[in-house]
Amino acid sequence: MAEHVVPHFHTDPGVPVIEIGAHEFMCVGATPPYDHPHVFLDMGDADEIICPYCSTLYRLDHALDSHAAKPPECALPLTAAA
Protein backbone atom coordinates (compact mmCIF):
# COMPACT_ATOMS: atom_id res chain seq x y z
CA MET A 1 0.00 0.00 0.00
CA ALA A 2 1.29 3.46 -0.85
CA GLU A 3 1.93 5.92 1.95
CA HIS A 4 -0.28 8.94 2.36
CA VAL A 5 1.60 12.07 1.37
CA VAL A 6 -0.72 14.27 3.43
CA PRO A 7 -0.61 13.53 7.18
CA HIS A 8 -3.95 12.79 8.89
CA PHE A 9 -4.78 13.76 12.48
CA HIS A 10 -7.76 13.05 14.76
CA THR A 11 -9.20 14.46 17.97
CA ASP A 12 -10.17 11.34 19.93
CA PRO A 13 -8.34 12.45 23.12
CA GLY A 14 -10.49 15.60 23.19
CA VAL A 15 -7.61 18.01 23.67
CA PRO A 16 -8.18 21.61 22.54
CA VAL A 17 -4.69 21.96 20.96
CA ILE A 18 -2.71 19.46 18.89
CA GLU A 19 0.88 20.21 17.96
CA ILE A 20 1.91 18.78 14.59
CA GLY A 21 4.93 18.80 12.31
CA ALA A 22 3.17 19.68 9.03
CA HIS A 23 1.81 22.89 7.50
CA GLU A 24 -0.62 20.93 5.29
CA PHE A 25 -2.68 18.06 6.68
CA MET A 26 -6.11 16.43 7.02
CA CYS A 27 -8.27 16.69 10.11
CA VAL A 28 -10.74 13.82 10.33
CA GLY A 29 -12.30 14.79 13.66
CA ALA A 30 -12.76 11.65 15.71
CA THR A 31 -11.71 8.32 14.25
CA PRO A 32 -14.26 6.62 11.99
CA PRO A 33 -17.15 6.02 12.27
CA TYR A 34 -17.45 9.19 14.42
CA ASP A 35 -15.42 11.37 12.08
CA HIS A 36 -16.46 14.66 10.51
CA PRO A 37 -15.90 15.38 6.80
CA HIS A 38 -12.17 14.96 6.20
CA VAL A 39 -10.94 18.49 5.64
CA PHE A 40 -7.62 19.52 4.11
CA LEU A 41 -6.07 22.35 6.11
CA ASP A 42 -3.15 24.53 5.03
CA MET A 43 -1.54 26.89 7.54
CA GLY A 44 0.16 28.88 4.81
CA ASP A 45 2.61 31.30 6.46
CA ALA A 46 0.96 30.94 9.88
CA ASP A 47 1.99 28.56 12.65
CA GLU A 48 -1.52 27.53 13.66
CA ILE A 49 -4.99 26.93 12.25
CA ILE A 50 -8.42 26.00 13.64
CA CYS A 51 -10.42 23.17 12.08
CA PRO A 52 -13.76 24.63 10.93
CA TYR A 53 -15.60 21.40 11.84
CA CYS A 54 -14.30 20.40 15.28
CA SER A 55 -12.67 23.69 16.39
CA THR A 56 -9.41 21.96 17.28
CA LEU A 57 -6.43 24.32 17.24
CA TYR A 58 -3.52 22.82 15.32
CA ARG A 59 -0.16 24.38 16.13
CA LEU A 60 3.04 23.83 14.13
CA ASP A 61 6.01 22.32 15.99
CA HIS A 62 9.08 22.39 13.74
CA ALA A 63 10.76 19.71 15.86
CA LEU A 64 8.14 17.10 14.94
CA ASP A 65 8.13 14.81 11.91
CA SER A 66 5.36 15.75 9.44
CA HIS A 67 3.27 12.72 10.47
CA ALA A 68 3.85 13.19 14.23
CA ALA A 69 1.69 14.93 16.82
CA LYS A 70 1.63 15.96 20.46
CA PRO A 71 -0.18 14.17 21.97
CA PRO A 72 1.18 11.31 19.85
CA GLU A 73 -2.11 9.40 19.79
CA CYS A 74 -3.62 12.20 17.63
CA ALA A 75 -1.59 11.09 14.59
CA LEU A 76 -3.82 8.81 12.55
CA PRO A 77 -1.93 5.66 11.53
CA LEU A 78 -1.60 5.25 7.78
CA THR A 79 -3.59 2.00 7.84
CA ALA A 80 -6.53 3.73 9.57
CA ALA A 81 -6.53 6.62 7.10
CA ALA A 82 -6.81 4.36 4.06
PDB file of N, CA and C in Angstrom:
ATOM      1  N   MET A   1       0.846  -1.173   0.000  1.00  0.00           N
ATOM      2  CA  MET A   1       0.000   0.000   0.000  1.00  0.00           C
ATOM      3  C   MET A   1       0.890   1.234   0.000  1.00  0.00           C
ATOM      4  N   ALA A   2       0.518   2.219  -0.774  1.00  0.00           N
ATOM      5  CA  ALA A   2       1.290   3.463  -0.852  1.00  0.00           C
ATOM      6  C   ALA A   2       1.045   4.304   0.396  1.00  0.00           C
ATOM      7  N   GLU A   3       2.071   5.036   0.801  1.00  0.00           N
ATOM      8  CA  GLU A   3       1.931   5.923   1.948  1.00  0.00           C
ATOM      9  C   GLU A   3       1.102   7.141   1.575  1.00  0.00           C
ATOM     10  N   HIS A   4       0.440   7.696   2.564  1.00  0.00           N
ATOM     11  CA  HIS A   4      -0.282   8.945   2.356  1.00  0.00           C
ATOM     12  C   HIS A   4       0.722  10.082   2.407  1.00  0.00           C
ATOM     13  N   VAL A   5       0.703  10.923   1.403  1.00  0.00           N
ATOM     14  CA  VAL A   5       1.596  12.071   1.371  1.00  0.00           C
ATOM     15  C   VAL A   5       1.142  13.109   2.389  1.00  0.00           C
ATOM     16  N   VAL A   6      -0.153  13.286   2.508  1.00  0.00           N
ATOM     17  CA  VAL A   6      -0.717  14.268   3.428  1.00  0.00           C
ATOM     18  C   VAL A   6      -0.972  13.595   4.778  1.00  0.00           C
ATOM     19  N   PRO A   7      -0.376  14.109   5.860  1.00  0.00           N
ATOM     20  CA  PRO A   7      -0.614  13.530   7.178  1.00  0.00           C
ATOM     21  C   PRO A   7      -2.076  13.705   7.604  1.00  0.00           C
ATOM     22  N   HIS A   8      -2.579  12.759   8.376  1.00  0.00           N
ATOM     23  CA  HIS A   8      -3.945  12.791   8.894  1.00  0.00           C
ATOM     24  C   HIS A   8      -3.883  12.823  10.422  1.00  0.00           C
ATOM     25  N   PHE A   9      -4.740  13.655  11.030  1.00  0.00           N
ATOM     26  CA  PHE A   9      -4.782  13.758  12.484  1.00  0.00           C
ATOM     27  C   PHE A   9      -6.230  13.671  12.958  1.00  0.00           C
ATOM     28  N   HIS A  10      -6.413  13.190  14.194  1.00  0.00           N
ATOM     29  CA  HIS A  10      -7.755  13.049  14.761  1.00  0.00           C
ATOM     30  C   HIS A  10      -7.792  13.623  16.173  1.00  0.00           C
ATOM     31  N   THR A  11      -9.007  13.785  16.685  1.00  0.00           N
ATOM     32  CA  THR A  11      -9.205  14.464  17.968  1.00  0.00           C
ATOM     33  C   THR A  11      -9.786  13.557  19.043  1.00  0.00           C
ATOM     34  N   ASP A  12      -9.594  12.267  18.940  1.00  0.00           N
ATOM     35  CA  ASP A  12     -10.165  11.345  19.928  1.00  0.00           C
ATOM     36  C   ASP A  12      -9.848  11.694  21.376  1.00  0.00           C
ATOM     37  N   PRO A  13      -8.621  12.131  21.706  1.00  0.00           N
ATOM     38  CA  PRO A  13      -8.344  12.449  23.115  1.00  0.00           C
ATOM     39  C   PRO A  13      -9.113  13.662  23.643  1.00  0.00           C
ATOM     40  N   GLY A  14      -9.696  14.450  22.761  1.00  0.00           N
ATOM     41  CA  GLY A  14     -10.490  15.598  23.188  1.00  0.00           C
ATOM     42  C   GLY A  14      -9.683  16.788  23.681  1.00  0.00           C
ATOM     43  N   VAL A  15      -8.434  16.864  23.272  1.00  0.00           N
ATOM     44  CA  VAL A  15      -7.606  18.007  23.674  1.00  0.00           C
ATOM     45  C   VAL A  15      -7.930  19.211  22.792  1.00  0.00           C
ATOM     46  N   PRO A  16      -7.840  20.428  23.326  1.00  0.00           N
ATOM     47  CA  PRO A  16      -8.177  21.613  22.535  1.00  0.00           C
ATOM     48  C   PRO A  16      -7.086  22.020  21.548  1.00  0.00           C
ATOM     49  N   VAL A  17      -5.816  21.598  21.810  1.00  0.00           N
ATOM     50  CA  VAL A  17      -4.686  21.961  20.959  1.00  0.00           C
ATOM     51  C   VAL A  17      -3.889  20.708  20.621  1.00  0.00           C
ATOM     52  N   ILE A  18      -3.564  20.561  19.340  1.00  0.00           N
ATOM     53  CA  ILE A  18      -2.706  19.463  18.893  1.00  0.00           C
ATOM     54  C   ILE A  18      -1.522  20.085  18.173  1.00  0.00           C
ATOM     55  N   GLU A  19      -0.331  19.741  18.623  1.00  0.00           N
ATOM     56  CA  GLU A  19       0.881  20.211  17.960  1.00  0.00           C
ATOM     57  C   GLU A  19       1.265  19.184  16.901  1.00  0.00           C
ATOM     58  N   ILE A  20       1.584  19.673  15.703  1.00  0.00           N
ATOM     59  CA  ILE A  20       1.911  18.782  14.593  1.00  0.00           C
ATOM     60  C   ILE A  20       3.153  19.293  13.865  1.00  0.00           C
ATOM     61  N   GLY A  21       3.717  18.438  13.037  1.00  0.00           N
ATOM     62  CA  GLY A  21       4.933  18.798  12.312  1.00  0.00           C
ATOM     63  C   GLY A  21       4.703  19.113  10.851  1.00  0.00           C
ATOM     64  N   ALA A  22       3.478  19.428  10.446  1.00  0.00           N
ATOM     65  CA  ALA A  22       3.169  19.684   9.033  1.00  0.00           C
ATOM     66  C   ALA A  22       2.361  20.963   8.885  1.00  0.00           C
ATOM     67  N   HIS A  23       2.622  21.713   7.818  1.00  0.00           N
ATOM     68  CA  HIS A  23       1.814  22.891   7.498  1.00  0.00           C
ATOM     69  C   HIS A  23       0.510  22.497   6.803  1.00  0.00           C
ATOM     70  N   GLU A  24       0.546  21.404   6.035  1.00  0.00           N
ATOM     71  CA  GLU A  24      -0.620  20.932   5.288  1.00  0.00           C
ATOM     72  C   GLU A  24      -0.980  19.546   5.785  1.00  0.00           C
ATOM     73  N   PHE A  25      -2.267  19.331   6.086  1.00  0.00           N
ATOM     74  CA  PHE A  25      -2.680  18.060   6.677  1.00  0.00           C
ATOM     75  C   PHE A  25      -4.190  17.889   6.558  1.00  0.00           C
ATOM     76  N   MET A  26      -4.678  16.721   6.979  1.00  0.00           N
ATOM     77  CA  MET A  26      -6.108  16.433   7.023  1.00  0.00           C
ATOM     78  C   MET A  26      -6.538  16.287   8.469  1.00  0.00           C
ATOM     79  N   CYS A  27      -7.623  16.933   8.821  1.00  0.00           N
ATOM     80  CA  CYS A  27      -8.275  16.695  10.106  1.00  0.00           C
ATOM     81  C   CYS A  27      -9.490  15.831   9.812  1.00  0.00           C
ATOM     82  N   VAL A  28      -9.608  14.721  10.542  1.00  0.00           N
ATOM     83  CA  VAL A  28     -10.742  13.818  10.330  1.00  0.00           C
ATOM     84  C   VAL A  28     -11.737  13.884  11.484  1.00  0.00           C
ATOM     85  N   GLY A  29     -11.462  14.759  12.468  1.00  0.00           N
ATOM     86  CA  GLY A  29     -12.302  14.793  13.664  1.00  0.00           C
ATOM     87  C   GLY A  29     -11.975  13.577  14.500  1.00  0.00           C
ATOM     88  N   ALA A  30     -12.972  12.898  14.989  1.00  0.00           N
ATOM     89  CA  ALA A  30     -12.757  11.646  15.713  1.00  0.00           C
ATOM     90  C   ALA A  30     -12.478  10.539  14.697  1.00  0.00           C
ATOM     91  N   THR A  31     -11.974   9.436  15.168  1.00  0.00           N
ATOM     92  CA  THR A  31     -11.710   8.323  14.253  1.00  0.00           C
ATOM     93  C   THR A  31     -13.035   7.737  13.768  1.00  0.00           C
ATOM     94  N   PRO A  32     -13.041   7.215  12.541  1.00  0.00           N
ATOM     95  CA  PRO A  32     -14.261   6.616  11.992  1.00  0.00           C
ATOM     96  C   PRO A  32     -14.793   5.516  12.917  1.00  0.00           C
ATOM     97  N   PRO A  33     -16.071   5.420  13.057  1.00  0.00           N
ATOM     98  CA  PRO A  33     -17.152   6.022  12.272  1.00  0.00           C
ATOM     99  C   PRO A  33     -17.669   7.346  12.823  1.00  0.00           C
ATOM    100  N   TYR A  34     -16.985   7.946  13.798  1.00  0.00           N
ATOM    101  CA  TYR A  34     -17.455   9.185  14.416  1.00  0.00           C
ATOM    102  C   TYR A  34     -16.758  10.418  13.856  1.00  0.00           C
ATOM    103  N   ASP A  35     -16.177  10.283  12.681  1.00  0.00           N
ATOM    104  CA  ASP A  35     -15.423  11.373  12.076  1.00  0.00           C
ATOM    105  C   ASP A  35     -16.337  12.434  11.470  1.00  0.00           C
ATOM    106  N   HIS A  36     -15.762  13.626  11.262  1.00  0.00           N
ATOM    107  CA  HIS A  36     -16.461  14.664  10.511  1.00  0.00           C
ATOM    108  C   HIS A  36     -15.921  14.613   9.084  1.00  0.00           C
ATOM    109  N   PRO A  37     -16.469  15.386   8.154  1.00  0.00           N
ATOM    110  CA  PRO A  37     -15.897  15.376   6.803  1.00  0.00           C
ATOM    111  C   PRO A  37     -14.387  15.630   6.874  1.00  0.00           C
ATOM    112  N   HIS A  38     -13.629  14.820   6.176  1.00  0.00           N
ATOM    113  CA  HIS A  38     -12.170  14.958   6.196  1.00  0.00           C
ATOM    114  C   HIS A  38     -11.807  16.237   5.454  1.00  0.00           C
ATOM    115  N   VAL A  39     -11.212  17.160   6.177  1.00  0.00           N
ATOM    116  CA  VAL A  39     -10.944  18.488   5.637  1.00  0.00           C
ATOM    117  C   VAL A  39      -9.428  18.705   5.524  1.00  0.00           C
ATOM    118  N   PHE A  40      -9.020  19.178   4.353  1.00  0.00           N
ATOM    119  CA  PHE A  40      -7.625  19.519   4.112  1.00  0.00           C
ATOM    120  C   PHE A  40      -7.388  20.919   4.654  1.00  0.00           C
ATOM    121  N   LEU A  41      -6.396  21.054   5.527  1.00  0.00           N
ATOM    122  CA  LEU A  41      -6.071  22.355   6.105  1.00  0.00           C
ATOM    123  C   LEU A  41      -4.648  22.738   5.734  1.00  0.00           C
ATOM    124  N   ASP A  42      -4.458  23.994   5.417  1.00  0.00           N
ATOM    125  CA  ASP A  42      -3.152  24.527   5.029  1.00  0.00           C
ATOM    126  C   ASP A  42      -2.901  25.784   5.859  1.00  0.00           C
ATOM    127  N   MET A  43      -1.863  25.755   6.688  1.00  0.00           N
ATOM    128  CA  MET A  43      -1.537  26.893   7.544  1.00  0.00           C
ATOM    129  C   MET A  43      -0.955  28.066   6.773  1.00  0.00           C
ATOM    130  N   GLY A  44      -0.471  27.811   5.565  1.00  0.00           N
ATOM    131  CA  GLY A  44       0.159  28.884   4.812  1.00  0.00           C
ATOM    132  C   GLY A  44       1.387  29.394   5.548  1.00  0.00           C
ATOM    133  N   ASP A  45       1.479  30.702   5.752  1.00  0.00           N
ATOM    134  CA  ASP A  45       2.610  31.301   6.465  1.00  0.00           C
ATOM    135  C   ASP A  45       2.419  31.318   7.980  1.00  0.00           C
ATOM    136  N   ALA A  46       1.240  30.926   8.443  1.00  0.00           N
ATOM    137  CA  ALA A  46       0.958  30.943   9.882  1.00  0.00           C
ATOM    138  C   ALA A  46       1.541  29.702  10.558  1.00  0.00           C
ATOM    139  N   ASP A  47       1.523  29.706  11.877  1.00  0.00           N
ATOM    140  CA  ASP A  47       1.993  28.561  12.651  1.00  0.00           C
ATOM    141  C   ASP A  47       0.859  27.850  13.376  1.00  0.00           C
ATOM    142  N   GLU A  48      -0.385  28.231  13.071  1.00  0.00           N
ATOM    143  CA  GLU A  48      -1.521  27.534  13.657  1.00  0.00           C
ATOM    144  C   GLU A  48      -2.765  27.769  12.813  1.00  0.00           C
ATOM    145  N   ILE A  49      -3.722  26.850  12.987  1.00  0.00           N
ATOM    146  CA  ILE A  49      -4.989  26.927  12.250  1.00  0.00           C
ATOM    147  C   ILE A  49      -6.052  26.195  13.064  1.00  0.00           C
ATOM    148  N   ILE A  50      -7.291  26.635  12.943  1.00  0.00           N
ATOM    149  CA  ILE A  50      -8.415  26.002  13.640  1.00  0.00           C
ATOM    150  C   ILE A  50      -9.239  25.229  12.624  1.00  0.00           C
ATOM    151  N   CYS A  51      -9.557  23.976  12.953  1.00  0.00           N
ATOM    152  CA  CYS A  51     -10.421  23.175  12.078  1.00  0.00           C
ATOM    153  C   CYS A  51     -11.829  23.762  12.121  1.00  0.00           C
ATOM    154  N   PRO A  52     -12.427  24.043  10.953  1.00  0.00           N
ATOM    155  CA  PRO A  52     -13.762  24.634  10.931  1.00  0.00           C
ATOM    156  C   PRO A  52     -14.868  23.670  11.366  1.00  0.00           C
ATOM    157  N   TYR A  53     -14.585  22.371  11.437  1.00  0.00           N
ATOM    158  CA  TYR A  53     -15.604  21.398  11.838  1.00  0.00           C
ATOM    159  C   TYR A  53     -15.568  21.093  13.324  1.00  0.00           C
ATOM    160  N   CYS A  54     -14.385  20.828  13.878  1.00  0.00           N
ATOM    161  CA  CYS A  54     -14.302  20.400  15.282  1.00  0.00           C
ATOM    162  C   CYS A  54     -13.683  21.448  16.196  1.00  0.00           C
ATOM    163  N   SER A  55     -13.256  22.568  15.644  1.00  0.00           N
ATOM    164  CA  SER A  55     -12.670  23.690  16.390  1.00  0.00           C
ATOM    165  C   SER A  55     -11.376  23.351  17.118  1.00  0.00           C
ATOM    166  N   THR A  56     -10.709  22.291  16.705  1.00  0.00           N
ATOM    167  CA  THR A  56      -9.406  21.963  17.279  1.00  0.00           C
ATOM    168  C   THR A  56      -8.369  22.939  16.745  1.00  0.00           C
ATOM    169  N   LEU A  57      -7.534  23.452  17.639  1.00  0.00           N
ATOM    170  CA  LEU A  57      -6.435  24.320  17.237  1.00  0.00           C
ATOM    171  C   LEU A  57      -5.233  23.436  16.938  1.00  0.00           C
ATOM    172  N   TYR A  58      -4.735  23.518  15.720  1.00  0.00           N
ATOM    173  CA  TYR A  58      -3.516  22.815  15.318  1.00  0.00           C
ATOM    174  C   TYR A  58      -2.388  23.830  15.307  1.00  0.00           C
ATOM    175  N   ARG A  59      -1.304  23.483  16.028  1.00  0.00           N
ATOM    176  CA  ARG A  59      -0.159  24.385  16.134  1.00  0.00           C
ATOM    177  C   ARG A  59       1.079  23.683  15.589  1.00  0.00           C
ATOM    178  N   LEU A  60       1.834  24.380  14.742  1.00  0.00           N
ATOM    179  CA  LEU A  60       3.045  23.829  14.133  1.00  0.00           C
ATOM    180  C   LEU A  60       4.169  23.719  15.155  1.00  0.00           C
ATOM    181  N   ASP A  61       4.817  22.553  15.180  1.00  0.00           N
ATOM    182  CA  ASP A  61       6.011  22.322  15.992  1.00  0.00           C
ATOM    183  C   ASP A  61       7.093  21.839  15.034  1.00  0.00           C
ATOM    184  N   HIS A  62       8.038  22.706  14.723  1.00  0.00           N
ATOM    185  CA  HIS A  62       9.077  22.394  13.739  1.00  0.00           C
ATOM    186  C   HIS A  62       9.940  21.201  14.139  1.00  0.00           C
ATOM    187  N   ALA A  63       9.948  20.837  15.402  1.00  0.00           N
ATOM    188  CA  ALA A  63      10.764  19.714  15.863  1.00  0.00           C
ATOM    189  C   ALA A  63      10.126  18.359  15.556  1.00  0.00           C
ATOM    190  N   LEU A  64       8.846  18.353  15.209  1.00  0.00           N
ATOM    191  CA  LEU A  64       8.145  17.096  14.945  1.00  0.00           C
ATOM    192  C   LEU A  64       8.255  16.679  13.486  1.00  0.00           C
ATOM    193  N   ASP A  65       8.241  15.374  13.255  1.00  0.00           N
ATOM    194  CA  ASP A  65       8.125  14.815  11.908  1.00  0.00           C
ATOM    195  C   ASP A  65       6.759  15.222  11.355  1.00  0.00           C
ATOM    196  N   SER A  66       6.622  15.294  10.042  1.00  0.00           N
ATOM    197  CA  SER A  66       5.364  15.751   9.437  1.00  0.00           C
ATOM    198  C   SER A  66       4.162  14.868   9.773  1.00  0.00           C
ATOM    199  N   HIS A  67       4.379  13.618  10.128  1.00  0.00           N
ATOM    200  CA  HIS A  67       3.273  12.717  10.474  1.00  0.00           C
ATOM    201  C   HIS A  67       3.128  12.543  11.984  1.00  0.00           C
ATOM    202  N   ALA A  68       3.875  13.320  12.775  1.00  0.00           N
ATOM    203  CA  ALA A  68       3.852  13.188  14.231  1.00  0.00           C
ATOM    204  C   ALA A  68       3.000  14.268  14.870  1.00  0.00           C
ATOM    205  N   ALA A  69       2.534  13.980  16.081  1.00  0.00           N
ATOM    206  CA  ALA A  69       1.689  14.933  16.822  1.00  0.00           C
ATOM    207  C   ALA A  69       2.005  14.864  18.312  1.00  0.00           C
ATOM    208  N   LYS A  70       1.637  15.931  18.996  1.00  0.00           N
ATOM    209  CA  LYS A  70       1.629  15.956  20.459  1.00  0.00           C
ATOM    210  C   LYS A  70       0.221  16.340  20.866  1.00  0.00           C
ATOM    211  N   PRO A  71      -0.530  15.499  21.514  1.00  0.00           N
ATOM    212  CA  PRO A  71      -0.176  14.166  21.966  1.00  0.00           C
ATOM    213  C   PRO A  71      -0.043  13.184  20.803  1.00  0.00           C
ATOM    214  N   PRO A  72       0.868  12.221  20.955  1.00  0.00           N
ATOM    215  CA  PRO A  72       1.179  11.305  19.846  1.00  0.00           C
ATOM    216  C   PRO A  72      -0.003  10.490  19.358  1.00  0.00           C
ATOM    217  N   GLU A  73      -0.960  10.214  20.221  1.00  0.00           N
ATOM    218  CA  GLU A  73      -2.108   9.402  19.794  1.00  0.00           C
ATOM    219  C   GLU A  73      -3.032  10.146  18.829  1.00  0.00           C
ATOM    220  N   CYS A  74      -2.807  11.436  18.583  1.00  0.00           N
ATOM    221  CA  CYS A  74      -3.623  12.203  17.632  1.00  0.00           C
ATOM    222  C   CYS A  74      -3.179  12.021  16.182  1.00  0.00           C
ATOM    223  N   ALA A  75      -2.042  11.394  15.964  1.00  0.00           N
ATOM    224  CA  ALA A  75      -1.593  11.095  14.594  1.00  0.00           C
ATOM    225  C   ALA A  75      -2.309   9.840  14.135  1.00  0.00           C
ATOM    226  N   LEU A  76      -3.065   9.956  13.059  1.00  0.00           N
ATOM    227  CA  LEU A  76      -3.825   8.811  12.547  1.00  0.00           C
ATOM    228  C   LEU A  76      -2.887   7.879  11.816  1.00  0.00           C
ATOM    229  N   PRO A  77      -2.810   6.614  12.233  1.00  0.00           N
ATOM    230  CA  PRO A  77      -1.934   5.657  11.526  1.00  0.00           C
ATOM    231  C   PRO A  77      -2.331   5.541  10.061  1.00  0.00           C
ATOM    232  N   LEU A  78      -1.352   5.323   9.221  1.00  0.00           N
ATOM    233  CA  LEU A  78      -1.602   5.245   7.781  1.00  0.00           C
ATOM    234  C   LEU A  78      -2.630   4.180   7.442  1.00  0.00           C
ATOM    235  N   THR A  79      -2.631   3.067   8.140  1.00  0.00           N
ATOM    236  CA  THR A  79      -3.589   1.999   7.842  1.00  0.00           C
ATOM    237  C   THR A  79      -5.008   2.424   8.169  1.00  0.00           C
ATOM    238  N   ALA A  80      -5.189   3.265   9.197  1.00  0.00           N
ATOM    239  CA  ALA A  80      -6.526   3.732   9.573  1.00  0.00           C
ATOM    240  C   ALA A  80      -7.039   4.800   8.628  1.00  0.00           C
ATOM    241  N   ALA A  81      -6.126   5.541   8.001  1.00  0.00           N
ATOM    242  CA  ALA A  81      -6.531   6.625   7.104  1.00  0.00           C
ATOM    243  C   ALA A  81      -6.875   6.130   5.707  1.00  0.00           C
ATOM    244  N   ALA A  82      -6.592   4.893   5.414  1.00  0.00           N
ATOM    245  CA  ALA A  82      -6.811   4.358   4.060  1.00  0.00           C
ATOM    246  C   ALA A  82      -8.275   4.166   3.775  1.00  0.00           C
TER     247      ALA A  82
END
